[in-house]
Amino acid sequence: MTKKSLLLPFAGILLAACVTRQAVLPPLAAKEVPRPPAPPFKLEEKMAEAEALFDKGGYVHLRGAFSLYLEIEKLAPDKSRFAANYAMTALLLAVRAKEMGVRNDAYLAKARELVRNDAALTALTPAAEIVSLIPVRTLGVWNDGQDGEAVPEKRGPVPELLAADRMARPAAGPFLAYLHAVLREQDGRNDAAKADLDEALKSFPDSLLLKFKRATLPPPDARLLDRIIEKEPEFFEAFLVQGQSALAGGALITAERHLLRAQEGVPESPLIAILLASINFGTEEYDRSLTFYEKTLDIAPDYKEALLGKAICLSCLGRPNEAILILEDLLARGPALKGECLFWLAANLHELGNNGLDWME
């Protein structure tokens, strides 16, 4: 017997032992790589960043400032150092959101919370009342009047809301001058609002916020809007106004270009989306119009005007069954747009060879 033949059984035993040991030993733990420490939260830098965004005055800038204050609030619970700027940001953002057709009650709710919890902010109480009175801009019928937005039939006297006209003085800053102009506009006193803004701009000549409000008072100042955009390309609300002006003048292609630019910055606005839907409906691009109506409803599912627009597009695209379901739902919700719904319901039933008697029964 050779040495090789003698060693073979031992080699098999050794191999089996190694395999068995490998099976029972736990796997080696992965080596943990230490994570780099998070950068220190620099309160002063965050506050300065939020204030710089506030000073720019555009909707997206105010939205960014508000997000920063939410972050600051979580990491620096003592609000005394930033509560005033935080509250003014929330109030101004609430106004700008309504002007952009955006429904977001969180901004005004946060402002009221800050004012309520800090006696030093009591002077902002009239500002919060003004903001609460401003309606959300919309196109057509939103619903049957049950949107939960309580707007009194008759507001209090202007001097009372303005706290003895304190907010009218330019020295109070662009924020209060803007609110003052908004209130004048709501009362239909556009000439007075223009005069107040012209006076305020003498003290704050670089304020894009005040220039924007001045440019949007009827009739819109197209040149001033262009200068605002040239200075700050992310002042997306200026594109919205330009789009609305072009639409009013029948320049549909120009209107769509401006509104698409506005939508880039403010995709949460159902007003912009439904304007784009109406433009494409006007050019008989029903597929594209339907897409924008659906985008509108993604943002605001109960928007009756958008639901009707979607139903009409489906009708024009030869999809009567889908249109009928929407129209029946609209009629069940309430009387708003009843006449339009009945007309298109009858048209779709006729398309299906039904004279509508079954539905009426």
Protein backbone atom coordinates (compact mmCIF):
# COMPACT_ATOMS: atom_id res chain seq x y z
CA MET A 1 0.00 0.00 0.00
CA THR A 2 1.44 3.35 -0.96
CA LYS A 3 1.69 6.42 1.26
CA LYS A 4 -0.76 8.19 -1.02
CA SER A 5 -3.40 5.50 -0.53
CA LEU A 6 -2.87 5.62 3.24
CA LEU A 7 -3.42 9.40 3.39
CA LEU A 8 -6.60 9.46 1.30
CA PRO A 9 -9.03 8.48 4.12
CA PHE A 10 -7.49 11.09 6.42
CA ALA A 11 -7.81 13.73 3.74
CA GLY A 12 -11.51 12.96 3.43
CA ILE A 13 -11.99 13.19 7.19
CA LEU A 14 -10.12 16.51 7.33
CA LEU A 15 -12.17 17.96 4.46
CA ALA A 16 -15.44 16.91 6.11
CA ALA A 17 -14.35 18.50 9.35
CA CYS A 18 -13.53 21.77 7.62
CA VAL A 19 -16.89 21.81 5.84
CA THR A 20 -18.71 21.05 9.11
CA ARG A 21 -16.81 23.80 10.94
CA GLN A 22 -17.56 26.27 8.18
CA ALA A 23 -21.27 25.43 8.41
CA VAL A 24 -21.54 25.96 12.14
CA LEU A 25 -19.41 29.09 12.44
CA PRO A 26 -21.40 32.35 12.30
CA PRO A 27 -20.70 34.59 9.33
CA LEU A 28 -18.29 37.39 9.89
CA ALA A 29 -20.06 40.60 10.80
CA ALA A 30 -19.80 43.36 8.27
CA LYS A 31 -17.40 46.00 9.38
CA GLU A 32 -19.28 49.15 10.34
CA VAL A 33 -18.10 52.25 8.58
CA PRO A 34 -18.47 55.25 10.86
CA ARG A 35 -20.81 57.87 9.47
CA PRO A 36 -19.51 61.38 9.17
CA PRO A 37 -21.02 63.65 11.79
CA ALA A 38 -23.95 65.75 10.68
CA PRO A 39 -23.00 69.34 10.01
CA PRO A 40 -23.77 71.56 12.99
CA PHE A 41 -27.06 73.41 12.84
CA LYS A 42 -26.15 77.07 12.51
CA LEU A 43 -29.16 79.04 13.66
CA GLU A 44 -27.82 82.40 12.57
CA GLU A 45 -27.14 81.19 9.04
CA LYS A 46 -30.58 79.59 8.70
CA MET A 47 -32.29 82.71 9.97
CA ALA A 48 -30.31 84.90 7.58
CA GLU A 49 -31.20 82.58 4.70
CA ALA A 50 -34.91 82.73 5.57
CA GLU A 51 -34.82 86.52 5.87
CA ALA A 52 -33.10 86.83 2.49
CA LEU A 53 -35.79 84.71 0.86
CA PHE A 54 -38.50 86.78 2.56
CA ASP A 55 -36.98 89.98 1.18
CA LYS A 56 -37.16 88.60 -2.38
CA GLY A 57 -40.95 88.53 -1.97
CA GLY A 58 -41.85 85.93 -4.60
CA TYR A 59 -44.18 83.05 -3.83
CA VAL A 60 -41.49 80.37 -4.18
CA HIS A 61 -39.11 82.44 -2.06
CA LEU A 62 -41.68 82.81 0.71
CA ARG A 63 -42.46 79.11 0.46
CA GLY A 64 -38.76 78.37 0.90
CA ALA A 65 -38.49 80.76 3.85
CA PHE A 66 -41.48 79.12 5.51
CA SER A 67 -39.88 75.68 5.13
CA LEU A 68 -36.69 77.00 6.71
CA TYR A 69 -38.61 78.40 9.67
CA LEU A 70 -40.30 75.02 10.16
CA GLU A 71 -36.83 73.48 10.33
CA ILE A 72 -35.55 76.21 12.66
CA GLU A 73 -38.59 75.78 14.90
CA LYS A 74 -37.88 72.07 15.39
CA LEU A 75 -34.24 72.58 16.33
CA ALA A 76 -34.56 75.88 18.22
CA PRO A 77 -37.82 75.76 20.22
CA ASP A 78 -37.21 79.24 21.69
CA LYS A 79 -38.95 81.31 19.02
CA SER A 80 -38.28 84.71 20.55
CA ARG A 81 -35.42 85.43 18.14
CA PHE A 82 -37.33 84.66 14.96
CA ALA A 83 -41.06 84.63 15.80
CA ALA A 84 -41.81 88.03 14.27
CA ASN A 85 -40.17 87.23 10.92
CA TYR A 86 -41.70 83.75 10.99
CA ALA A 87 -45.20 85.18 11.50
CA MET A 88 -44.79 87.81 8.77
CA THR A 89 -43.49 85.15 6.38
CA ALA A 90 -46.50 82.91 7.12
CA LEU A 91 -48.97 85.79 6.68
CA LEU A 92 -47.47 87.03 3.44
CA LEU A 93 -47.23 83.49 2.09
CA ALA A 94 -50.89 82.94 2.94
CA VAL A 95 -51.81 85.99 0.85
CA ARG A 96 -49.56 85.06 -2.04
CA ALA A 97 -50.88 81.48 -2.03
CA LYS A 98 -54.45 82.74 -2.35
CA GLU A 99 -53.44 85.04 -5.18
CA MET A 100 -51.90 82.04 -6.96
CA GLY A 101 -55.07 80.01 -6.49
CA VAL A 102 -53.38 77.73 -3.94
CA ARG A 103 -55.52 76.55 -1.03
CA ASN A 104 -53.29 75.92 1.96
CA ASP A 105 -54.69 76.82 5.37
CA ALA A 106 -51.44 75.83 7.11
CA TYR A 107 -49.80 79.20 6.46
CA LEU A 108 -52.47 81.34 8.11
CA ALA A 109 -52.92 78.77 10.88
CA LYS A 110 -49.21 78.95 11.74
CA ALA A 111 -49.26 82.75 11.71
CA ARG A 112 -52.23 82.83 14.08
CA GLU A 113 -50.54 80.31 16.37
CA LEU A 114 -47.40 82.46 16.56
CA VAL A 115 -49.38 85.66 17.20
CA ARG A 116 -51.55 83.96 19.81
CA ASN A 117 -48.58 82.59 21.75
CA ASP A 118 -46.42 85.73 21.77
CA ALA A 119 -47.72 88.97 23.27
CA ALA A 120 -45.03 90.87 21.38
CA LEU A 121 -46.77 89.98 18.12
CA THR A 122 -50.20 91.35 19.04
CA ALA A 123 -49.76 94.15 16.49
CA LEU A 124 -49.98 91.52 13.73
CA THR A 125 -53.51 90.49 14.73
CA PRO A 126 -55.16 92.93 12.25
CA ALA A 127 -52.89 91.58 9.52
CA ALA A 128 -54.12 88.06 10.20
CA GLU A 129 -57.71 89.32 9.96
CA ILE A 130 -56.99 90.94 6.61
CA VAL A 131 -55.45 87.75 5.26
CA SER A 132 -58.46 85.72 6.40
CA LEU A 133 -60.79 87.97 4.39
CA ILE A 134 -58.98 87.52 1.09
CA PRO A 135 -60.65 84.90 -1.13
CA VAL A 136 -58.71 82.26 -3.03
CA ARG A 137 -58.54 83.12 -6.71
CA THR A 138 -60.26 80.59 -8.88
CA LEU A 139 -61.66 80.14 -12.38
CA GLY A 140 -65.34 79.30 -12.61
CA VAL A 141 -67.28 77.42 -9.96
CA TRP A 142 -65.30 75.70 -7.21
CA ASN A 143 -68.18 73.92 -5.49
CA ASP A 144 -71.68 74.52 -4.15
CA GLY A 145 -70.53 76.98 -1.51
CA GLN A 146 -69.45 74.44 1.06
CA ASP A 147 -65.69 74.88 0.85
CA GLY A 148 -65.36 75.75 4.53
CA GLU A 149 -63.96 79.22 3.87
CA ALA A 150 -65.88 81.57 6.12
CA VAL A 151 -65.93 85.03 4.55
CA PRO A 152 -68.21 87.49 6.33
CA GLU A 153 -70.77 89.31 4.22
CA LYS A 154 -69.59 92.64 5.54
CA ARG A 155 -66.13 93.27 6.88
CA GLY A 156 -65.29 95.67 9.65
CA PRO A 157 -64.22 99.26 9.02
CA VAL A 158 -60.88 99.56 7.25
CA PRO A 159 -59.29 101.81 9.90
CA GLU A 160 -60.23 99.29 12.57
CA LEU A 161 -58.65 96.40 10.66
CA LEU A 162 -55.59 98.50 9.98
CA ALA A 163 -55.14 99.32 13.66
CA ALA A 164 -55.60 103.06 13.36
CA ASP A 165 -54.03 103.02 9.88
CA ARG A 166 -50.67 102.08 11.35
CA MET A 167 -50.12 99.57 8.56
CA ALA A 168 -50.55 102.18 5.85
CA ARG A 169 -47.36 104.05 6.67
CA PRO A 170 -44.42 103.15 4.41
CA ALA A 171 -42.15 103.14 7.45
CA ALA A 172 -43.90 99.94 8.53
CA GLY A 173 -42.16 98.09 5.73
CA PRO A 174 -43.03 96.42 2.43
CA PHE A 175 -44.92 93.64 4.21
CA LEU A 176 -47.52 95.93 5.74
CA ALA A 177 -47.62 98.22 2.72
CA TYR A 178 -48.44 95.20 0.58
CA LEU A 179 -51.27 94.11 2.89
CA HIS A 180 -52.61 97.63 2.91
CA ALA A 181 -52.71 97.64 -0.90
CA VAL A 182 -54.38 94.22 -0.94
CA LEU A 183 -57.12 95.48 1.35
CA ARG A 184 -57.65 98.55 -0.83
CA GLU A 185 -57.89 96.25 -3.86
CA GLN A 186 -60.45 94.05 -2.12
CA ASP A 187 -62.55 97.15 -1.49
CA GLY A 188 -62.33 98.09 -5.17
CA ARG A 189 -60.18 101.14 -4.42
CA ASN A 190 -57.50 100.44 -7.01
CA ASP A 191 -56.52 104.08 -7.50
CA ALA A 192 -55.97 104.47 -3.77
CA ALA A 193 -53.95 101.25 -3.73
CA LYS A 194 -51.76 102.54 -6.57
CA ALA A 195 -51.17 105.84 -4.79
CA ASP A 196 -50.24 104.05 -1.56
CA LEU A 197 -47.83 101.74 -3.39
CA ASP A 198 -46.20 104.63 -5.25
CA GLU A 199 -45.63 106.30 -1.89
CA ALA A 200 -44.27 103.11 -0.32
CA LEU A 201 -41.92 102.54 -3.26
CA LYS A 202 -40.25 105.88 -2.51
CA SER A 203 -39.07 104.33 0.75
CA PHE A 204 -38.48 100.84 -0.67
CA PRO A 205 -37.52 101.35 -4.35
CA ASP A 206 -36.00 97.87 -4.69
CA SER A 207 -38.97 95.94 -3.31
CA LEU A 208 -40.09 93.46 -5.97
CA LEU A 209 -43.03 92.60 -3.74
CA LEU A 210 -44.42 96.13 -3.94
CA LYS A 211 -43.55 96.47 -7.62
CA PHE A 212 -45.42 93.27 -8.35
CA LYS A 213 -48.56 94.43 -6.57
CA ARG A 214 -48.32 97.76 -8.39
CA ALA A 215 -47.92 95.96 -11.73
CA THR A 216 -50.92 93.70 -11.18
CA LEU A 217 -53.48 96.34 -10.27
CA PRO A 218 -55.76 96.79 -13.27
CA PRO A 219 -54.84 97.38 -15.95
CA PRO A 220 -51.69 95.20 -15.56
CA ASP A 221 -48.39 96.93 -16.28
CA ALA A 222 -46.69 94.57 -18.77
CA ARG A 223 -43.40 96.50 -18.82
CA LEU A 224 -43.08 96.47 -15.06
CA LEU A 225 -43.80 92.73 -15.01
CA ASP A 226 -41.03 92.22 -17.57
CA ARG A 227 -38.60 94.18 -15.41
CA ILE A 228 -39.53 92.11 -12.36
CA ILE A 229 -38.88 88.87 -14.28
CA GLU A 230 -35.60 90.24 -15.61
CA LYS A 231 -34.53 91.03 -12.05
CA GLU A 232 -35.83 87.79 -10.54
CA PRO A 233 -36.63 84.98 -13.04
CA GLU A 234 -38.22 82.91 -10.27
CA PHE A 235 -40.96 85.46 -9.62
CA PHE A 236 -43.37 82.95 -11.16
CA GLU A 237 -46.52 84.86 -10.29
CA ALA A 238 -45.51 87.47 -12.83
CA PHE A 239 -45.76 84.78 -15.52
CA LEU A 240 -49.25 83.92 -14.27
CA VAL A 241 -50.38 87.54 -14.67
CA GLN A 242 -48.77 87.74 -18.10
CA GLY A 243 -50.54 84.55 -19.11
CA GLN A 244 -53.90 85.82 -17.92
CA SER A 245 -53.39 89.11 -19.77
CA ALA A 246 -52.48 87.29 -22.99
CA LEU A 247 -55.49 85.00 -22.59
CA ALA A 248 -57.79 87.98 -22.14
CA GLY A 249 -56.38 89.40 -25.37
CA GLY A 250 -56.95 86.16 -27.28
CA ALA A 251 -53.23 85.38 -27.67
CA LEU A 252 -53.58 81.73 -26.72
CA ILE A 253 -50.11 80.52 -27.70
CA THR A 254 -48.45 83.35 -25.77
CA ALA A 255 -50.74 82.74 -22.83
CA GLU A 256 -49.85 79.05 -22.74
CA ARG A 257 -46.12 79.81 -22.83
CA HIS A 258 -46.37 82.13 -19.84
CA LEU A 259 -48.62 79.79 -17.88
CA LEU A 260 -46.38 76.78 -18.46
CA ARG A 261 -43.51 78.83 -17.03
CA ALA A 262 -45.65 79.75 -14.03
CA GLN A 263 -46.55 76.10 -13.52
CA GLU A 264 -42.87 75.16 -13.35
CA GLY A 265 -42.54 77.09 -10.12
CA VAL A 266 -46.02 76.60 -8.68
CA PRO A 267 -47.21 73.13 -9.68
CA GLU A 268 -49.62 73.12 -6.71
CA SER A 269 -51.82 75.83 -8.25
CA PRO A 270 -55.14 74.52 -9.63
CA LEU A 271 -55.72 77.97 -11.11
CA ILE A 272 -52.73 77.66 -13.43
CA ALA A 273 -53.65 74.10 -14.40
CA ILE A 274 -57.26 74.92 -15.26
CA LEU A 275 -56.21 77.97 -17.27
CA LEU A 276 -53.96 75.72 -19.33
CA ALA A 277 -56.84 73.26 -19.74
CA SER A 278 -59.14 76.02 -20.98
CA ILE A 279 -56.55 77.29 -23.48
CA ASN A 280 -56.14 73.85 -25.03
CA PHE A 281 -59.88 73.34 -25.10
CA GLY A 282 -60.17 76.63 -26.97
CA THR A 283 -57.72 75.35 -29.60
CA GLU A 284 -59.67 72.06 -29.79
CA GLU A 285 -56.73 70.04 -28.49
CA TYR A 286 -59.03 67.92 -26.36
CA ASP A 287 -56.49 65.26 -25.39
CA ARG A 288 -54.10 67.89 -24.08
CA SER A 289 -56.94 69.81 -22.43
CA LEU A 290 -58.07 66.62 -20.71
CA THR A 291 -54.56 66.12 -19.35
CA PHE A 292 -54.58 69.56 -17.76
CA TYR A 293 -58.07 69.08 -16.34
CA GLU A 294 -56.85 65.85 -14.75
CA LYS A 295 -53.82 67.68 -13.34
CA THR A 296 -56.20 70.23 -11.88
CA LEU A 297 -58.25 67.49 -10.25
CA ASP A 298 -55.11 65.82 -8.90
CA ILE A 299 -54.58 69.02 -6.92
CA ALA A 300 -58.24 69.80 -6.19
CA PRO A 301 -60.47 66.71 -6.58
CA ASP A 302 -63.69 68.61 -5.73
CA TYR A 303 -63.19 71.45 -8.22
CA LYS A 304 -66.55 71.37 -10.05
CA GLU A 305 -65.45 73.53 -12.99
CA ALA A 306 -62.58 71.14 -13.66
CA LEU A 307 -64.85 68.11 -13.36
CA LEU A 308 -67.23 69.65 -15.90
CA GLY A 309 -64.33 70.49 -18.19
CA LYS A 310 -63.10 66.92 -17.99
CA ALA A 311 -66.59 65.60 -18.82
CA ILE A 312 -66.86 67.92 -21.84
CA CYS A 313 -63.42 66.84 -23.10
CA LEU A 314 -64.43 63.20 -22.78
CA SER A 315 -67.62 64.01 -24.71
CA CYS A 316 -65.63 65.65 -27.50
CA LEU A 317 -63.25 62.68 -27.60
CA GLY A 318 -66.12 60.25 -28.14
CA ARG A 319 -66.09 58.75 -24.63
CA PRO A 320 -69.72 59.32 -23.58
CA ASN A 321 -69.95 56.62 -20.93
CA GLU A 322 -67.10 58.15 -18.93
CA ALA A 323 -68.53 61.63 -19.38
CA ILE A 324 -71.98 60.57 -18.17
CA LEU A 325 -70.57 59.17 -14.92
CA ILE A 326 -68.92 62.52 -14.12
CA LEU A 327 -71.98 64.55 -15.10
CA GLU A 328 -74.30 62.44 -12.96
CA ASP A 329 -71.92 62.84 -10.03
CA LEU A 330 -71.84 66.62 -10.51
CA LEU A 331 -75.64 66.81 -10.53
CA ALA A 332 -75.80 64.74 -7.35
CA ARG A 333 -73.42 67.13 -5.57
CA GLY A 334 -75.61 70.20 -5.84
CA PRO A 335 -77.14 72.83 -8.13
CA ALA A 336 -73.95 74.57 -9.24
CA LEU A 337 -73.44 74.15 -13.01
CA LYS A 338 -76.73 72.24 -13.28
CA GLY A 339 -77.67 73.72 -16.65
CA GLU A 340 -74.32 72.87 -18.25
CA CYS A 341 -74.37 69.38 -16.79
CA LEU A 342 -77.87 68.66 -18.11
CA PHE A 343 -76.95 69.93 -21.57
CA TRP A 344 -73.88 67.69 -21.86
CA LEU A 345 -75.65 64.78 -20.24
CA ALA A 346 -78.38 64.98 -22.90
CA ALA A 347 -75.75 65.24 -25.64
CA ASN A 348 -73.98 62.12 -24.41
CA LEU A 349 -77.18 60.15 -23.97
CA HIS A 350 -78.15 61.09 -27.52
CA GLU A 351 -74.74 59.89 -28.69
CA LEU A 352 -75.56 56.52 -27.15
CA GLY A 353 -78.95 56.43 -28.84
CA ASN A 354 -80.82 57.23 -25.64
CA ASN A 355 -83.26 60.13 -25.57
CA GLY A 356 -82.71 60.59 -21.85
CA LEU A 357 -86.16 59.51 -20.70
CA ASP A 358 -84.74 56.57 -18.76
CA TRP A 359 -82.34 58.87 -16.93
CA MET A 360 -85.08 61.40 -16.14
CA GLU A 361 -87.22 58.65 -14.69
